[in-house]
N, C-alpha and C. Protein backbone atom coordinates (compact mmCIF):
# COMPACT_ATOMS: atom_id res chain seq x y z
N MET A 1 -10.49 20.36 13.31
CA MET A 1 -10.10 19.56 14.46
C MET A 1 -11.25 19.51 15.47
N ASP A 2 -12.00 20.63 15.60
CA ASP A 2 -13.14 20.64 16.52
C ASP A 2 -14.16 19.58 16.14
N ALA A 3 -14.46 19.50 14.86
CA ALA A 3 -15.45 18.51 14.39
C ALA A 3 -14.95 17.09 14.63
N ILE A 4 -13.68 16.86 14.42
CA ILE A 4 -13.11 15.53 14.64
C ILE A 4 -13.21 15.16 16.12
N ALA A 5 -12.86 16.09 16.99
CA ALA A 5 -12.95 15.84 18.43
C ALA A 5 -14.38 15.52 18.83
N ARG A 6 -15.32 16.31 18.34
CA ARG A 6 -16.74 16.07 18.65
C ARG A 6 -17.16 14.68 18.19
N ARG A 7 -16.82 14.37 16.96
CA ARG A 7 -17.23 13.07 16.40
C ARG A 7 -16.60 11.91 17.14
N ALA A 8 -15.35 12.11 17.62
CA ALA A 8 -14.66 11.06 18.38
C ALA A 8 -15.13 11.00 19.84
N GLY A 9 -15.89 12.00 20.24
CA GLY A 9 -16.40 12.01 21.61
C GLY A 9 -15.34 12.38 22.64
N VAL A 10 -14.37 13.19 22.23
CA VAL A 10 -13.32 13.64 23.15
C VAL A 10 -13.25 15.16 23.11
N GLY A 11 -12.63 15.71 24.11
CA GLY A 11 -12.43 17.15 24.14
C GLY A 11 -11.33 17.56 23.17
N ILE A 12 -11.36 18.81 22.75
CA ILE A 12 -10.37 19.30 21.81
C ILE A 12 -8.96 19.23 22.41
N GLY A 13 -8.86 19.45 23.72
CA GLY A 13 -7.55 19.36 24.38
C GLY A 13 -6.98 17.96 24.30
N THR A 14 -7.82 16.97 24.48
CA THR A 14 -7.38 15.58 24.37
C THR A 14 -6.89 15.28 22.96
N LEU A 15 -7.64 15.75 21.98
CA LEU A 15 -7.24 15.52 20.59
C LEU A 15 -5.87 16.16 20.32
N TYR A 16 -5.70 17.42 20.73
CA TYR A 16 -4.44 18.11 20.48
C TYR A 16 -3.28 17.52 21.29
N ARG A 17 -3.57 16.93 22.43
CA ARG A 17 -2.52 16.29 23.22
C ARG A 17 -1.94 15.09 22.46
N HIS A 18 -2.80 14.38 21.77
CA HIS A 18 -2.35 13.21 21.00
C HIS A 18 -1.88 13.59 19.60
N PHE A 19 -2.53 14.59 19.01
CA PHE A 19 -2.22 15.00 17.63
C PHE A 19 -2.12 16.52 17.61
N PRO A 20 -0.91 17.06 17.84
CA PRO A 20 -0.77 18.51 17.96
C PRO A 20 -1.06 19.30 16.69
N THR A 21 -1.02 18.63 15.53
CA THR A 21 -1.32 19.32 14.27
C THR A 21 -2.23 18.43 13.43
N ARG A 22 -2.83 19.06 12.44
CA ARG A 22 -3.66 18.31 11.48
C ARG A 22 -2.80 17.27 10.76
N GLU A 23 -1.57 17.66 10.41
CA GLU A 23 -0.66 16.74 9.73
C GLU A 23 -0.35 15.52 10.59
N ALA A 24 -0.19 15.73 11.91
CA ALA A 24 0.10 14.61 12.81
C ALA A 24 -1.07 13.62 12.85
N LEU A 25 -2.28 14.16 12.82
CA LEU A 25 -3.46 13.29 12.81
C LEU A 25 -3.53 12.50 11.50
N VAL A 26 -3.31 13.18 10.38
CA VAL A 26 -3.33 12.51 9.08
C VAL A 26 -2.23 11.45 9.02
N GLU A 27 -1.05 11.78 9.54
CA GLU A 27 0.06 10.82 9.54
C GLU A 27 -0.30 9.57 10.35
N ALA A 28 -0.94 9.76 11.49
CA ALA A 28 -1.32 8.62 12.32
C ALA A 28 -2.31 7.72 11.60
N LEU A 29 -3.28 8.32 10.93
CA LEU A 29 -4.24 7.53 10.16
C LEU A 29 -3.55 6.79 9.01
N TYR A 30 -2.65 7.48 8.34
CA TYR A 30 -1.88 6.91 7.23
C TYR A 30 -1.06 5.72 7.72
N ALA A 31 -0.36 5.90 8.84
CA ALA A 31 0.49 4.83 9.38
C ALA A 31 -0.35 3.62 9.81
N THR A 32 -1.50 3.88 10.40
CA THR A 32 -2.38 2.79 10.82
C THR A 32 -2.86 1.99 9.62
N GLU A 33 -3.26 2.68 8.57
CA GLU A 33 -3.73 1.99 7.37
C GLU A 33 -2.60 1.20 6.71
N LEU A 34 -1.39 1.77 6.67
CA LEU A 34 -0.24 1.05 6.11
C LEU A 34 0.06 -0.19 6.94
N ASP A 35 -0.02 -0.08 8.25
CA ASP A 35 0.18 -1.25 9.11
C ASP A 35 -0.79 -2.36 8.74
N THR A 36 -2.03 -2.00 8.48
CA THR A 36 -3.05 -2.98 8.12
C THR A 36 -2.72 -3.65 6.78
N VAL A 37 -2.28 -2.86 5.81
CA VAL A 37 -1.92 -3.41 4.49
C VAL A 37 -0.78 -4.40 4.62
N VAL A 38 0.26 -4.01 5.32
CA VAL A 38 1.44 -4.87 5.47
C VAL A 38 1.09 -6.11 6.29
N ALA A 39 0.34 -5.94 7.35
CA ALA A 39 0.02 -7.04 8.25
C ALA A 39 -0.88 -8.10 7.64
N CYS A 40 -1.64 -7.76 6.61
CA CYS A 40 -2.56 -8.75 6.04
C CYS A 40 -1.85 -9.78 5.15
N ALA A 41 -0.62 -9.52 4.73
CA ALA A 41 0.08 -10.41 3.80
C ALA A 41 0.27 -11.83 4.35
N PRO A 42 0.79 -12.01 5.57
CA PRO A 42 0.96 -13.38 6.06
C PRO A 42 -0.35 -14.17 6.13
N GLY A 43 -1.43 -13.50 6.52
CA GLY A 43 -2.73 -14.17 6.56
C GLY A 43 -3.20 -14.60 5.19
N LEU A 44 -2.99 -13.75 4.20
CA LEU A 44 -3.35 -14.10 2.83
C LEU A 44 -2.53 -15.29 2.35
N LEU A 45 -1.24 -15.30 2.69
CA LEU A 45 -0.39 -16.43 2.30
C LEU A 45 -0.81 -17.72 2.99
N ALA A 46 -1.34 -17.62 4.18
CA ALA A 46 -1.81 -18.81 4.90
C ALA A 46 -3.11 -19.36 4.31
N GLU A 47 -3.92 -18.48 3.72
CA GLU A 47 -5.22 -18.87 3.19
C GLU A 47 -5.22 -19.24 1.71
N LEU A 48 -4.34 -18.62 0.95
CA LEU A 48 -4.36 -18.75 -0.51
C LEU A 48 -3.00 -19.20 -1.02
N GLU A 49 -2.98 -19.74 -2.23
CA GLU A 49 -1.68 -20.03 -2.84
C GLU A 49 -1.00 -18.69 -3.11
N PRO A 50 0.34 -18.65 -3.14
CA PRO A 50 1.05 -17.37 -3.17
C PRO A 50 0.65 -16.40 -4.29
N ALA A 51 0.44 -16.85 -5.50
CA ALA A 51 0.07 -15.91 -6.58
C ALA A 51 -1.30 -15.30 -6.30
N GLN A 52 -2.24 -16.10 -5.81
CA GLN A 52 -3.56 -15.57 -5.46
C GLN A 52 -3.47 -14.63 -4.27
N ALA A 53 -2.62 -14.98 -3.31
CA ALA A 53 -2.43 -14.13 -2.13
C ALA A 53 -1.84 -12.78 -2.56
N LEU A 54 -0.87 -12.82 -3.46
CA LEU A 54 -0.28 -11.57 -3.94
C LEU A 54 -1.32 -10.72 -4.65
N ARG A 55 -2.15 -11.34 -5.46
CA ARG A 55 -3.17 -10.57 -6.19
C ARG A 55 -4.18 -9.97 -5.23
N ALA A 56 -4.59 -10.74 -4.21
CA ALA A 56 -5.51 -10.20 -3.20
C ALA A 56 -4.86 -9.06 -2.44
N TRP A 57 -3.57 -9.20 -2.15
CA TRP A 57 -2.84 -8.14 -1.45
C TRP A 57 -2.73 -6.89 -2.33
N MET A 58 -2.52 -7.08 -3.64
CA MET A 58 -2.48 -5.94 -4.55
C MET A 58 -3.78 -5.13 -4.49
N ASN A 59 -4.89 -5.82 -4.38
CA ASN A 59 -6.18 -5.12 -4.24
C ASN A 59 -6.19 -4.27 -2.97
N ARG A 60 -5.70 -4.85 -1.90
CA ARG A 60 -5.66 -4.12 -0.63
C ARG A 60 -4.74 -2.91 -0.72
N TYR A 61 -3.61 -3.07 -1.38
CA TYR A 61 -2.67 -1.97 -1.57
C TYR A 61 -3.28 -0.88 -2.45
N ALA A 62 -4.04 -1.29 -3.46
CA ALA A 62 -4.71 -0.32 -4.33
C ALA A 62 -5.70 0.52 -3.52
N GLU A 63 -6.43 -0.12 -2.61
CA GLU A 63 -7.36 0.61 -1.74
C GLU A 63 -6.60 1.60 -0.86
N PHE A 64 -5.49 1.15 -0.29
CA PHE A 64 -4.65 2.02 0.53
C PHE A 64 -4.17 3.22 -0.28
N PHE A 65 -3.74 2.96 -1.50
CA PHE A 65 -3.21 4.03 -2.33
C PHE A 65 -4.27 5.09 -2.60
N GLU A 66 -5.50 4.66 -2.81
CA GLU A 66 -6.58 5.62 -3.04
C GLU A 66 -6.80 6.49 -1.80
N ILE A 67 -6.74 5.87 -0.63
CA ILE A 67 -6.86 6.63 0.61
C ILE A 67 -5.70 7.61 0.73
N LYS A 68 -4.51 7.13 0.44
CA LYS A 68 -3.32 7.99 0.52
C LYS A 68 -3.43 9.15 -0.46
N ARG A 69 -3.97 8.89 -1.63
CA ARG A 69 -4.09 9.95 -2.64
C ARG A 69 -4.91 11.13 -2.12
N THR A 70 -5.94 10.84 -1.36
CA THR A 70 -6.81 11.91 -0.87
C THR A 70 -6.15 12.75 0.22
N VAL A 71 -5.16 12.22 0.92
CA VAL A 71 -4.50 12.97 1.99
C VAL A 71 -3.07 13.34 1.63
N TYR A 72 -2.68 13.05 0.41
CA TYR A 72 -1.29 13.24 0.01
C TYR A 72 -0.78 14.67 0.20
N GLU A 73 -1.56 15.66 -0.17
CA GLU A 73 -1.11 17.05 -0.05
C GLU A 73 -0.84 17.42 1.40
N THR A 74 -1.68 16.96 2.31
CA THR A 74 -1.46 17.22 3.73
C THR A 74 -0.18 16.54 4.19
N LEU A 75 0.01 15.29 3.78
CA LEU A 75 1.23 14.57 4.15
C LEU A 75 2.46 15.26 3.56
N ARG A 76 2.38 15.61 2.30
CA ARG A 76 3.52 16.25 1.63
C ARG A 76 3.92 17.55 2.33
N ALA A 77 2.95 18.32 2.73
CA ALA A 77 3.23 19.57 3.44
C ALA A 77 3.95 19.28 4.75
N GLY A 78 3.51 18.27 5.45
CA GLY A 78 4.15 17.89 6.70
C GLY A 78 5.56 17.37 6.50
N TRP A 79 5.76 16.60 5.45
CA TRP A 79 7.11 16.10 5.16
C TRP A 79 8.03 17.25 4.77
N ALA A 80 7.52 18.18 3.97
CA ALA A 80 8.34 19.31 3.50
C ALA A 80 8.78 20.22 4.64
N THR A 81 7.90 20.42 5.61
CA THR A 81 8.25 21.30 6.73
C THR A 81 8.99 20.56 7.84
N GLY A 82 9.00 19.23 7.76
CA GLY A 82 9.65 18.46 8.81
C GLY A 82 8.77 18.26 10.03
N SER A 83 7.50 18.68 9.94
CA SER A 83 6.61 18.50 11.09
C SER A 83 6.19 17.05 11.27
N ILE A 84 6.31 16.25 10.20
CA ILE A 84 6.13 14.80 10.32
C ILE A 84 7.27 14.12 9.57
N ALA A 85 7.63 12.95 10.04
CA ALA A 85 8.77 12.23 9.46
C ALA A 85 8.42 11.69 8.08
N THR A 86 9.43 11.62 7.22
CA THR A 86 9.23 11.01 5.91
C THR A 86 8.97 9.52 6.14
N PRO A 87 7.93 8.99 5.54
CA PRO A 87 7.57 7.59 5.82
C PRO A 87 8.51 6.60 5.14
N THR A 88 8.47 5.39 5.66
CA THR A 88 9.22 4.28 5.06
C THR A 88 8.26 3.39 4.27
N THR A 89 7.23 4.01 3.71
CA THR A 89 6.19 3.26 3.02
C THR A 89 6.76 2.35 1.94
N ARG A 90 7.58 2.88 1.06
CA ARG A 90 8.08 2.08 -0.06
C ARG A 90 8.87 0.88 0.43
N GLU A 91 9.71 1.08 1.44
CA GLU A 91 10.50 -0.03 1.96
C GLU A 91 9.59 -1.11 2.57
N ARG A 92 8.57 -0.68 3.28
CA ARG A 92 7.66 -1.64 3.91
C ARG A 92 6.85 -2.39 2.86
N ILE A 93 6.41 -1.69 1.84
CA ILE A 93 5.66 -2.34 0.77
C ILE A 93 6.56 -3.32 0.03
N THR A 94 7.78 -2.91 -0.28
CA THR A 94 8.72 -3.77 -1.01
C THR A 94 9.06 -5.01 -0.19
N SER A 95 9.22 -4.88 1.10
CA SER A 95 9.49 -6.04 1.96
C SER A 95 8.32 -7.02 1.95
N THR A 96 7.12 -6.48 1.93
CA THR A 96 5.93 -7.33 1.88
C THR A 96 5.85 -8.05 0.54
N ILE A 97 6.12 -7.35 -0.53
CA ILE A 97 6.14 -7.98 -1.86
C ILE A 97 7.21 -9.07 -1.91
N ASP A 98 8.37 -8.80 -1.32
CA ASP A 98 9.45 -9.78 -1.28
C ASP A 98 9.00 -11.06 -0.58
N LEU A 99 8.32 -10.91 0.55
CA LEU A 99 7.79 -12.07 1.28
C LEU A 99 6.89 -12.91 0.38
N MET A 100 6.03 -12.25 -0.35
CA MET A 100 5.07 -12.96 -1.20
C MET A 100 5.76 -13.57 -2.42
N LEU A 101 6.71 -12.85 -3.00
CA LEU A 101 7.44 -13.40 -4.15
C LEU A 101 8.25 -14.63 -3.76
N ARG A 102 8.89 -14.58 -2.60
CA ARG A 102 9.66 -15.75 -2.15
C ARG A 102 8.76 -16.96 -1.93
N ALA A 103 7.60 -16.74 -1.34
CA ALA A 103 6.65 -17.84 -1.13
C ALA A 103 6.19 -18.39 -2.48
N GLY A 104 5.94 -17.52 -3.43
CA GLY A 104 5.50 -17.95 -4.75
C GLY A 104 6.60 -18.67 -5.52
N ALA A 105 7.84 -18.22 -5.39
CA ALA A 105 8.95 -18.90 -6.05
C ALA A 105 9.13 -20.29 -5.47
N GLU A 106 9.01 -20.40 -4.17
CA GLU A 106 9.12 -21.70 -3.50
C GLU A 106 8.01 -22.65 -3.94
N ALA A 107 6.82 -22.11 -4.14
CA ALA A 107 5.68 -22.93 -4.58
C ALA A 107 5.68 -23.15 -6.09
N GLY A 108 6.52 -22.44 -6.81
CA GLY A 108 6.58 -22.58 -8.26
C GLY A 108 5.50 -21.81 -9.00
N THR A 109 4.81 -20.89 -8.30
CA THR A 109 3.73 -20.14 -8.95
C THR A 109 4.14 -18.72 -9.32
N LEU A 110 5.29 -18.27 -8.83
CA LEU A 110 5.81 -16.95 -9.18
C LEU A 110 7.29 -17.08 -9.53
N ARG A 111 7.76 -16.21 -10.39
CA ARG A 111 9.15 -16.24 -10.83
C ARG A 111 10.09 -15.96 -9.66
N SER A 112 11.26 -16.56 -9.73
CA SER A 112 12.26 -16.37 -8.68
C SER A 112 13.27 -15.29 -9.03
N ASP A 113 13.22 -14.74 -10.24
CA ASP A 113 14.21 -13.77 -10.70
C ASP A 113 13.70 -12.33 -10.67
N ILE A 114 12.70 -12.07 -9.87
CA ILE A 114 12.07 -10.75 -9.84
C ILE A 114 12.58 -9.95 -8.64
N ASP A 115 12.96 -8.73 -8.89
CA ASP A 115 13.34 -7.81 -7.81
C ASP A 115 12.05 -7.22 -7.24
N PRO A 116 11.81 -7.40 -5.94
CA PRO A 116 10.56 -6.87 -5.38
C PRO A 116 10.43 -5.35 -5.53
N GLY A 117 11.55 -4.65 -5.59
CA GLY A 117 11.49 -3.21 -5.82
C GLY A 117 10.91 -2.87 -7.18
N ASP A 118 11.19 -3.74 -8.17
CA ASP A 118 10.62 -3.52 -9.50
C ASP A 118 9.11 -3.69 -9.48
N VAL A 119 8.63 -4.65 -8.69
CA VAL A 119 7.18 -4.85 -8.57
C VAL A 119 6.54 -3.64 -7.90
N THR A 120 7.19 -3.12 -6.86
CA THR A 120 6.69 -1.92 -6.21
C THR A 120 6.55 -0.79 -7.22
N LEU A 121 7.57 -0.60 -8.04
CA LEU A 121 7.52 0.47 -9.05
C LEU A 121 6.41 0.22 -10.07
N MET A 122 6.22 -1.05 -10.47
CA MET A 122 5.14 -1.36 -11.42
C MET A 122 3.79 -1.01 -10.80
N LEU A 123 3.59 -1.38 -9.54
CA LEU A 123 2.32 -1.08 -8.88
C LEU A 123 2.11 0.43 -8.75
N LEU A 124 3.16 1.13 -8.37
CA LEU A 124 3.04 2.59 -8.27
C LEU A 124 2.71 3.19 -9.63
N GLY A 125 3.30 2.63 -10.69
CA GLY A 125 2.98 3.10 -12.04
C GLY A 125 1.51 2.91 -12.36
N VAL A 126 0.97 1.76 -12.00
CA VAL A 126 -0.46 1.51 -12.21
C VAL A 126 -1.29 2.54 -11.44
N PHE A 127 -0.95 2.71 -10.16
CA PHE A 127 -1.76 3.58 -9.32
C PHE A 127 -1.65 5.05 -9.73
N HIS A 128 -0.45 5.49 -10.08
CA HIS A 128 -0.28 6.89 -10.48
C HIS A 128 -0.90 7.16 -11.86
N SER A 129 -0.90 6.17 -12.72
CA SER A 129 -1.39 6.41 -14.08
C SER A 129 -2.90 6.28 -14.19
N THR A 130 -3.53 5.71 -13.20
CA THR A 130 -4.99 5.60 -13.23
C THR A 130 -5.57 6.70 -12.36
N ALA A 131 -6.14 7.66 -13.00
CA ALA A 131 -6.71 8.80 -12.28
C ALA A 131 -7.87 8.35 -11.42
N VAL A 132 -8.25 9.20 -10.51
CA VAL A 132 -9.37 8.91 -9.62
C VAL A 132 -10.62 8.55 -10.42
N THR A 133 -10.76 9.11 -11.61
CA THR A 133 -11.94 8.86 -12.42
C THR A 133 -11.90 7.52 -13.14
N ASP A 134 -10.72 6.86 -13.20
CA ASP A 134 -10.65 5.54 -13.84
C ASP A 134 -11.48 4.53 -13.05
N SER A 135 -12.00 3.58 -13.73
CA SER A 135 -12.86 2.60 -13.08
C SER A 135 -12.03 1.57 -12.32
N PRO A 136 -12.62 1.00 -11.28
CA PRO A 136 -11.95 -0.08 -10.56
C PRO A 136 -11.63 -1.27 -11.48
N GLU A 137 -12.46 -1.46 -12.50
CA GLU A 137 -12.22 -2.54 -13.46
C GLU A 137 -10.93 -2.32 -14.22
N ARG A 138 -10.65 -1.07 -14.57
CA ARG A 138 -9.40 -0.73 -15.28
C ARG A 138 -8.19 -1.04 -14.40
N VAL A 139 -8.25 -0.64 -13.14
CA VAL A 139 -7.17 -0.93 -12.20
C VAL A 139 -7.00 -2.44 -12.06
N ALA A 140 -8.10 -3.16 -11.93
CA ALA A 140 -8.04 -4.62 -11.80
C ALA A 140 -7.39 -5.26 -13.01
N THR A 141 -7.71 -4.79 -14.20
CA THR A 141 -7.10 -5.32 -15.42
C THR A 141 -5.60 -5.11 -15.40
N LEU A 142 -5.17 -3.92 -15.01
CA LEU A 142 -3.74 -3.63 -14.96
C LEU A 142 -3.03 -4.46 -13.90
N LEU A 143 -3.67 -4.66 -12.76
CA LEU A 143 -3.07 -5.50 -11.71
C LEU A 143 -2.98 -6.95 -12.17
N ASP A 144 -3.96 -7.42 -12.92
CA ASP A 144 -3.88 -8.77 -13.49
C ASP A 144 -2.68 -8.89 -14.43
N LEU A 145 -2.42 -7.86 -15.22
CA LEU A 145 -1.26 -7.86 -16.11
C LEU A 145 0.05 -7.89 -15.34
N VAL A 146 0.11 -7.14 -14.24
CA VAL A 146 1.31 -7.19 -13.39
C VAL A 146 1.52 -8.60 -12.87
N LEU A 147 0.48 -9.20 -12.34
CA LEU A 147 0.60 -10.56 -11.81
C LEU A 147 1.01 -11.54 -12.90
N ASP A 148 0.44 -11.39 -14.07
CA ASP A 148 0.78 -12.28 -15.18
C ASP A 148 2.28 -12.20 -15.50
N ALA A 149 2.85 -11.01 -15.42
CA ALA A 149 4.28 -10.83 -15.69
C ALA A 149 5.15 -11.51 -14.63
N LEU A 150 4.59 -11.81 -13.48
CA LEU A 150 5.35 -12.43 -12.38
C LEU A 150 5.26 -13.94 -12.38
N ARG A 151 4.48 -14.50 -13.27
CA ARG A 151 4.31 -15.97 -13.30
C ARG A 151 5.47 -16.63 -14.05
N PRO A 152 5.81 -17.85 -13.68
CA PRO A 152 6.87 -18.58 -14.39
C PRO A 152 6.54 -18.70 -15.87
N GLY A 153 7.56 -18.70 -16.69
CA GLY A 153 7.36 -18.79 -18.12
C GLY A 153 7.22 -17.44 -18.77
N LYS A 154 7.22 -16.38 -17.97
CA LYS A 154 7.10 -15.02 -18.49
C LYS A 154 8.47 -14.34 -18.38
N GLY A 155 8.71 -13.40 -19.22
CA GLY A 155 9.92 -12.59 -19.10
C GLY A 155 11.15 -13.24 -19.71
N PRO A 156 12.30 -12.57 -19.61
CA PRO A 156 13.51 -13.01 -20.30
C PRO A 156 14.08 -14.31 -19.77
N LYS A 157 13.87 -14.62 -18.48
CA LYS A 157 14.43 -15.85 -17.93
C LYS A 157 13.40 -16.96 -17.84
N GLY A 158 12.12 -16.59 -18.15
CA GLY A 158 11.01 -17.50 -18.21
C GLY A 158 11.14 -18.70 -17.43
């Protein structure tokens, strides 16, 4: 915490006043990054067609997940002790996916019969199954496969 305060150019007392524990600081960084991931979806939808926007957003979520992976143990310890609140990450991610799926269904570029929670689980499966040592190209290939499964003409209701 001393090094963080020095690097931020504030006194240690100021840092502890805002972030009383290491977990609180990590949680604040985590929440800020999640806010950025969720907030970028409407802008992507305004700039790109919905399927492309979803794929670009998946890249952003993959980056977030990698950041989260590095601080996960600290977060988990805080959640277990109750020193930080359990996040609503999955709900926020699923709501964002729902927004993008609805836009894609309306545009005819994404299936309308997809549960956004299922997409969240598919993405988590990709992220959890690709170790830190896996290449970004491997993750990109898997994300392309997820997107392909969401296009019209795919799946049981095609």
